[in-house]
Amino acid sequence: MSAAGAWIALPDVADLQLVSLLVPISKHVRALLDLKLQDIGLEVGQDQLLLELSREKTQRSSKLAEKLAIRPSTLSKMADKLAAKGFVMREKTPDDRRLTILRLTEEGGRMKDQVRRIHSSLNDELAVDLQVGESGRALEALTAIADTLARRLARLR
């Protein structure tokens, strides 16, 4: 039994289903990421917001919530916490004062670099037991699943 098999209770091969594997994997990755992010004072989700803000200089809150697949109210709470730490700034758009944009601060940029290091380290930890060539195939399969889920969720929302 591999280390991964010992950590995640795998179903019998006859009952093997994607969902029965993906749900515990998702929970375990989130828990491990949470532990690592706590070391730098962040929570799961805040890392994704910082990374997304680093892709574009400023972004509207509503578009960020959509990109991160979270509710606008969840994004607002997350932005409040990050703004209190000095990692993001909220601004009203000049064209429409009802719309809010978020901007990564210089300190937020430094925190984003730490987040990238944590993500890279976790990626290395997760891939350590994969054989040469398996990581590419695993990434392709997981990307296809992620795309399918995103399309289905978009139709339901």
C-alpha atoms as a PDB file:
ATOM      1  CA  MET A   1       0.000   0.000   0.000  1.00  0.00           C
ATOM      2  CA  SER A   2       1.395   3.396  -0.950  1.00  0.00           C
ATOM      3  CA  ALA A   3       1.671   6.305   1.420  1.00  0.00           C
ATOM      4  CA  ALA A   4      -1.258   7.908  -0.413  1.00  0.00           C
ATOM      5  CA  GLY A   5      -3.324   4.735   0.004  1.00  0.00           C
ATOM      6  CA  ALA A   6      -2.624   4.714   3.718  1.00  0.00           C
ATOM      7  CA  TRP A   7      -3.683   8.334   4.056  1.00  0.00           C
ATOM      8  CA  ILE A   8      -6.890   8.165   2.015  1.00  0.00           C
ATOM      9  CA  ALA A   9      -9.361   5.333   2.538  1.00  0.00           C
ATOM     10  CA  LEU A  10      -9.678   4.008  -1.004  1.00  0.00           C
ATOM     11  CA  PRO A  11     -12.852   2.198  -2.112  1.00  0.00           C
ATOM     12  CA  ASP A  12     -12.772  -1.337  -3.480  1.00  0.00           C
ATOM     13  CA  VAL A  13     -11.612  -1.427  -7.099  1.00  0.00           C
ATOM     14  CA  ALA A  14     -15.072  -2.641  -8.179  1.00  0.00           C
ATOM     15  CA  ASP A  15     -16.614   0.491  -6.630  1.00  0.00           C
ATOM     16  CA  LEU A  16     -13.950   2.900  -7.873  1.00  0.00           C
ATOM     17  CA  GLN A  17     -15.577   6.161  -8.901  1.00  0.00           C
ATOM     18  CA  LEU A  18     -14.053   9.536  -9.615  1.00  0.00           C
ATOM     19  CA  VAL A  19     -16.111  11.259  -6.950  1.00  0.00           C
ATOM     20  CA  SER A  20     -15.098   8.743  -4.281  1.00  0.00           C
ATOM     21  CA  LEU A  21     -11.471   9.639  -4.998  1.00  0.00           C
ATOM     22  CA  LEU A  22     -11.765  13.349  -5.693  1.00  0.00           C
ATOM     23  CA  VAL A  23     -13.739  14.303  -2.580  1.00  0.00           C
ATOM     24  CA  PRO A  24     -11.192  13.031  -0.033  1.00  0.00           C
ATOM     25  CA  ILE A  25      -8.301  14.267  -2.184  1.00  0.00           C
ATOM     26  CA  SER A  26      -9.873  17.719  -2.273  1.00  0.00           C
ATOM     27  CA  LYS A  27     -10.391  17.737   1.498  1.00  0.00           C
ATOM     28  CA  HIS A  28      -6.843  16.580   2.192  1.00  0.00           C
ATOM     29  CA  VAL A  29      -5.216  19.057  -0.189  1.00  0.00           C
ATOM     30  CA  ARG A  30      -7.263  21.862   1.317  1.00  0.00           C
ATOM     31  CA  ALA A  31      -6.332  20.810   4.878  1.00  0.00           C
ATOM     32  CA  LEU A  32      -2.627  20.564   4.030  1.00  0.00           C
ATOM     33  CA  LEU A  33      -2.680  23.885   2.189  1.00  0.00           C
ATOM     34  CA  ASP A  34      -4.477  25.474   5.139  1.00  0.00           C
ATOM     35  CA  LEU A  35      -1.732  24.347   7.522  1.00  0.00           C
ATOM     36  CA  LYS A  36       0.959  25.790   5.266  1.00  0.00           C
ATOM     37  CA  LEU A  37      -0.896  29.067   4.718  1.00  0.00           C
ATOM     38  CA  GLN A  38      -1.427  29.514   8.458  1.00  0.00           C
ATOM     39  CA  ASP A  39       2.351  29.796   8.780  1.00  0.00           C
ATOM     40  CA  ILE A  40       2.213  33.028   6.760  1.00  0.00           C
ATOM     41  CA  GLY A  41      -1.038  34.311   8.256  1.00  0.00           C
ATOM     42  CA  LEU A  42      -3.385  33.433   5.399  1.00  0.00           C
ATOM     43  CA  GLU A  43      -6.456  31.251   5.005  1.00  0.00           C
ATOM     44  CA  VAL A  44      -7.346  28.948   2.131  1.00  0.00           C
ATOM     45  CA  GLY A  45      -8.927  31.036  -0.613  1.00  0.00           C
ATOM     46  CA  GLN A  46      -6.966  34.156   0.228  1.00  0.00           C
ATOM     47  CA  ASP A  47      -4.026  32.607  -1.608  1.00  0.00           C
ATOM     48  CA  GLN A  48      -6.094  32.269  -4.769  1.00  0.00           C
ATOM     49  CA  LEU A  49      -7.295  35.859  -4.501  1.00  0.00           C
ATOM     50  CA  LEU A  50      -3.730  37.176  -4.193  1.00  0.00           C
ATOM     51  CA  LEU A  51      -2.600  35.090  -7.165  1.00  0.00           C
ATOM     52  CA  GLU A  52      -5.546  36.211  -9.283  1.00  0.00           C
ATOM     53  CA  LEU A  53      -4.909  39.868  -8.419  1.00  0.00           C
ATOM     54  CA  SER A  54      -1.289  39.474  -9.500  1.00  0.00           C
ATOM     55  CA  ARG A  55      -2.426  38.504 -13.023  1.00  0.00           C
ATOM     56  CA  GLU A  56      -4.089  41.873 -13.659  1.00  0.00           C
ATOM     57  CA  LYS A  57      -3.235  45.167 -11.974  1.00  0.00           C
ATOM     58  CA  THR A  58      -6.823  45.900 -10.934  1.00  0.00           C
ATOM     59  CA  GLN A  59      -9.940  43.802 -11.133  1.00  0.00           C
ATOM     60  CA  ARG A  60     -13.608  44.397 -10.412  1.00  0.00           C
ATOM     61  CA  SER A  61     -14.838  42.539  -7.354  1.00  0.00           C
ATOM     62  CA  SER A  62     -17.709  40.931  -9.237  1.00  0.00           C
ATOM     63  CA  LYS A  63     -15.355  39.534 -11.902  1.00  0.00           C
ATOM     64  CA  LEU A  64     -12.954  38.257  -9.236  1.00  0.00           C
ATOM     65  CA  ALA A  65     -15.762  36.419  -7.461  1.00  0.00           C
ATOM     66  CA  GLU A  66     -16.749  34.850 -10.762  1.00  0.00           C
ATOM     67  CA  LYS A  67     -13.159  33.813 -11.591  1.00  0.00           C
ATOM     68  CA  LEU A  68     -12.680  32.302  -8.139  1.00  0.00           C
ATOM     69  CA  ALA A  69     -16.102  30.594  -8.236  1.00  0.00           C
ATOM     70  CA  ILE A  70     -17.194  32.172  -4.939  1.00  0.00           C
ATOM     71  CA  ARG A  71     -20.071  34.388  -3.903  1.00  0.00           C
ATOM     72  CA  PRO A  72     -19.521  38.154  -3.980  1.00  0.00           C
ATOM     73  CA  SER A  73     -20.205  38.258  -0.222  1.00  0.00           C
ATOM     74  CA  THR A  74     -17.442  35.677   0.353  1.00  0.00           C
ATOM     75  CA  LEU A  75     -15.052  37.739  -1.764  1.00  0.00           C
ATOM     76  CA  SER A  76     -15.976  40.855   0.198  1.00  0.00           C
ATOM     77  CA  LYS A  77     -15.160  39.195   3.531  1.00  0.00           C
ATOM     78  CA  MET A  78     -11.918  37.834   2.131  1.00  0.00           C
ATOM     79  CA  ALA A  79     -10.972  41.264   0.761  1.00  0.00           C
ATOM     80  CA  ASP A  80     -11.769  42.867   4.147  1.00  0.00           C
ATOM     81  CA  LYS A  81      -9.274  40.543   5.860  1.00  0.00           C
ATOM     82  CA  LEU A  82      -6.590  41.065   3.238  1.00  0.00           C
ATOM     83  CA  ALA A  83      -7.106  44.839   3.235  1.00  0.00           C
ATOM     84  CA  ALA A  84      -6.761  44.898   7.048  1.00  0.00           C
ATOM     85  CA  LYS A  85      -3.369  43.207   6.614  1.00  0.00           C
ATOM     86  CA  GLY A  86      -2.348  45.699   3.923  1.00  0.00           C
ATOM     87  CA  PHE A  87      -2.260  43.164   1.074  1.00  0.00           C
ATOM     88  CA  VAL A  88      -5.041  44.645  -1.069  1.00  0.00           C
ATOM     89  CA  MET A  89      -6.654  48.030  -1.596  1.00  0.00           C
ATOM     90  CA  ARG A  90     -10.283  48.685  -2.451  1.00  0.00           C
ATOM     91  CA  GLU A  91     -11.139  51.497  -4.813  1.00  0.00           C
ATOM     92  CA  LYS A  92     -14.287  52.730  -6.515  1.00  0.00           C
ATOM     93  CA  THR A  93     -14.183  52.784 -10.299  1.00  0.00           C
ATOM     94  CA  PRO A  94     -14.024  56.300 -11.735  1.00  0.00           C
ATOM     95  CA  ASP A  95     -16.721  55.481 -14.309  1.00  0.00           C
ATOM     96  CA  ASP A  96     -19.236  54.014 -11.886  1.00  0.00           C
ATOM     97  CA  ARG A  97     -18.808  54.719  -8.168  1.00  0.00           C
ATOM     98  CA  ARG A  98     -21.070  51.737  -7.353  1.00  0.00           C
ATOM     99  CA  LEU A  99     -18.423  49.307  -8.626  1.00  0.00           C
ATOM    100  CA  THR A 100     -15.443  48.301  -6.516  1.00  0.00           C
ATOM    101  CA  ILE A 101     -12.075  47.234  -7.810  1.00  0.00           C
ATOM    102  CA  LEU A 102      -9.349  45.485  -5.877  1.00  0.00           C
ATOM    103  CA  ARG A 103      -5.666  46.174  -6.286  1.00  0.00           C
ATOM    104  CA  LEU A 104      -2.700  44.213  -4.945  1.00  0.00           C
ATOM    105  CA  THR A 105      -0.427  46.333  -2.753  1.00  0.00           C
ATOM    106  CA  GLU A 106       3.359  46.093  -2.676  1.00  0.00           C
ATOM    107  CA  GLU A 107       3.088  44.085   0.547  1.00  0.00           C
ATOM    108  CA  GLY A 108       0.470  41.919  -1.108  1.00  0.00           C
ATOM    109  CA  GLY A 109       2.924  41.289  -3.941  1.00  0.00           C
ATOM    110  CA  ARG A 110       5.482  40.019  -1.449  1.00  0.00           C
ATOM    111  CA  MET A 111       2.844  37.789   0.145  1.00  0.00           C
ATOM    112  CA  LYS A 112       1.879  36.492  -3.308  1.00  0.00           C
ATOM    113  CA  ASP A 113       5.492  35.400  -3.781  1.00  0.00           C
ATOM    114  CA  GLN A 114       5.309  33.422  -0.530  1.00  0.00           C
ATOM    115  CA  VAL A 115       2.042  31.851  -1.689  1.00  0.00           C
ATOM    116  CA  ARG A 116       3.680  30.767  -4.951  1.00  0.00           C
ATOM    117  CA  ARG A 117       6.505  29.136  -2.988  1.00  0.00           C
ATOM    118  CA  ILE A 118       3.987  27.271  -0.809  1.00  0.00           C
ATOM    119  CA  HIS A 119       2.020  26.115  -3.861  1.00  0.00           C
ATOM    120  CA  SER A 120       5.224  24.951  -5.545  1.00  0.00           C
ATOM    121  CA  SER A 121       6.348  23.084  -2.438  1.00  0.00           C
ATOM    122  CA  LEU A 122       2.952  21.418  -2.053  1.00  0.00           C
ATOM    123  CA  ASN A 123       2.960  20.490  -5.724  1.00  0.00           C
ATOM    124  CA  ASP A 124       6.338  18.805  -5.245  1.00  0.00           C
ATOM    125  CA  GLU A 125       5.052  16.944  -2.180  1.00  0.00           C
ATOM    126  CA  LEU A 126       1.992  15.682  -4.041  1.00  0.00           C
ATOM    127  CA  ALA A 127       3.959  14.540  -7.087  1.00  0.00           C
ATOM    128  CA  VAL A 128       6.774  12.801  -5.195  1.00  0.00           C
ATOM    129  CA  ASP A 129       5.295   9.287  -5.539  1.00  0.00           C
ATOM    130  CA  LEU A 130       4.400   9.637  -9.223  1.00  0.00           C
ATOM    131  CA  GLN A 131       6.518   7.729 -11.710  1.00  0.00           C
ATOM    132  CA  VAL A 132       8.319   9.584 -14.494  1.00  0.00           C
ATOM    133  CA  GLY A 133       5.721  10.622 -17.055  1.00  0.00           C
ATOM    134  CA  GLU A 134       2.751  10.091 -14.748  1.00  0.00           C
ATOM    135  CA  SER A 135       2.577  13.695 -13.556  1.00  0.00           C
ATOM    136  CA  GLY A 136       1.859  14.954 -17.084  1.00  0.00           C
ATOM    137  CA  ARG A 137      -0.930  12.437 -17.611  1.00  0.00           C
ATOM    138  CA  ALA A 138      -2.359  13.131 -14.158  1.00  0.00           C
ATOM    139  CA  LEU A 139      -2.316  16.871 -14.845  1.00  0.00           C
ATOM    140  CA  GLU A 140      -4.083  16.389 -18.184  1.00  0.00           C
ATOM    141  CA  ALA A 141      -6.787  14.230 -16.600  1.00  0.00           C
ATOM    142  CA  LEU A 142      -7.326  16.621 -13.669  1.00  0.00           C
ATOM    143  CA  THR A 143      -7.446  19.605 -16.028  1.00  0.00           C
ATOM    144  CA  ALA A 144     -10.131  17.884 -18.103  1.00  0.00           C
ATOM    145  CA  ILE A 145     -12.148  17.179 -14.936  1.00  0.00           C
ATOM    146  CA  ALA A 146     -11.730  20.776 -13.730  1.00  0.00           C
ATOM    147  CA  ASP A 147     -12.896  22.110 -17.111  1.00  0.00           C
ATOM    148  CA  THR A 148     -15.941  19.816 -17.088  1.00  0.00           C
ATOM    149  CA  LEU A 149     -16.862  20.906 -13.570  1.00  0.00           C
ATOM    150  CA  ALA A 150     -16.449  24.603 -14.417  1.00  0.00           C
ATOM    151  CA  ARG A 151     -18.709  24.279 -17.470  1.00  0.00           C
ATOM    152  CA  ARG A 152     -21.394  22.426 -15.539  1.00  0.00           C
ATOM    153  CA  LEU A 153     -21.289  24.875 -12.644  1.00  0.00           C
ATOM    154  CA  ALA A 154     -21.513  27.833 -15.024  1.00  0.00           C
ATOM    155  CA  ARG A 155     -24.727  26.394 -16.482  1.00  0.00           C
ATOM    156  CA  LEU A 156     -26.234  25.888 -13.042  1.00  0.00           C
ATOM    157  CA  ARG A 157     -25.474  29.333 -11.678  1.00  0.00           C
END
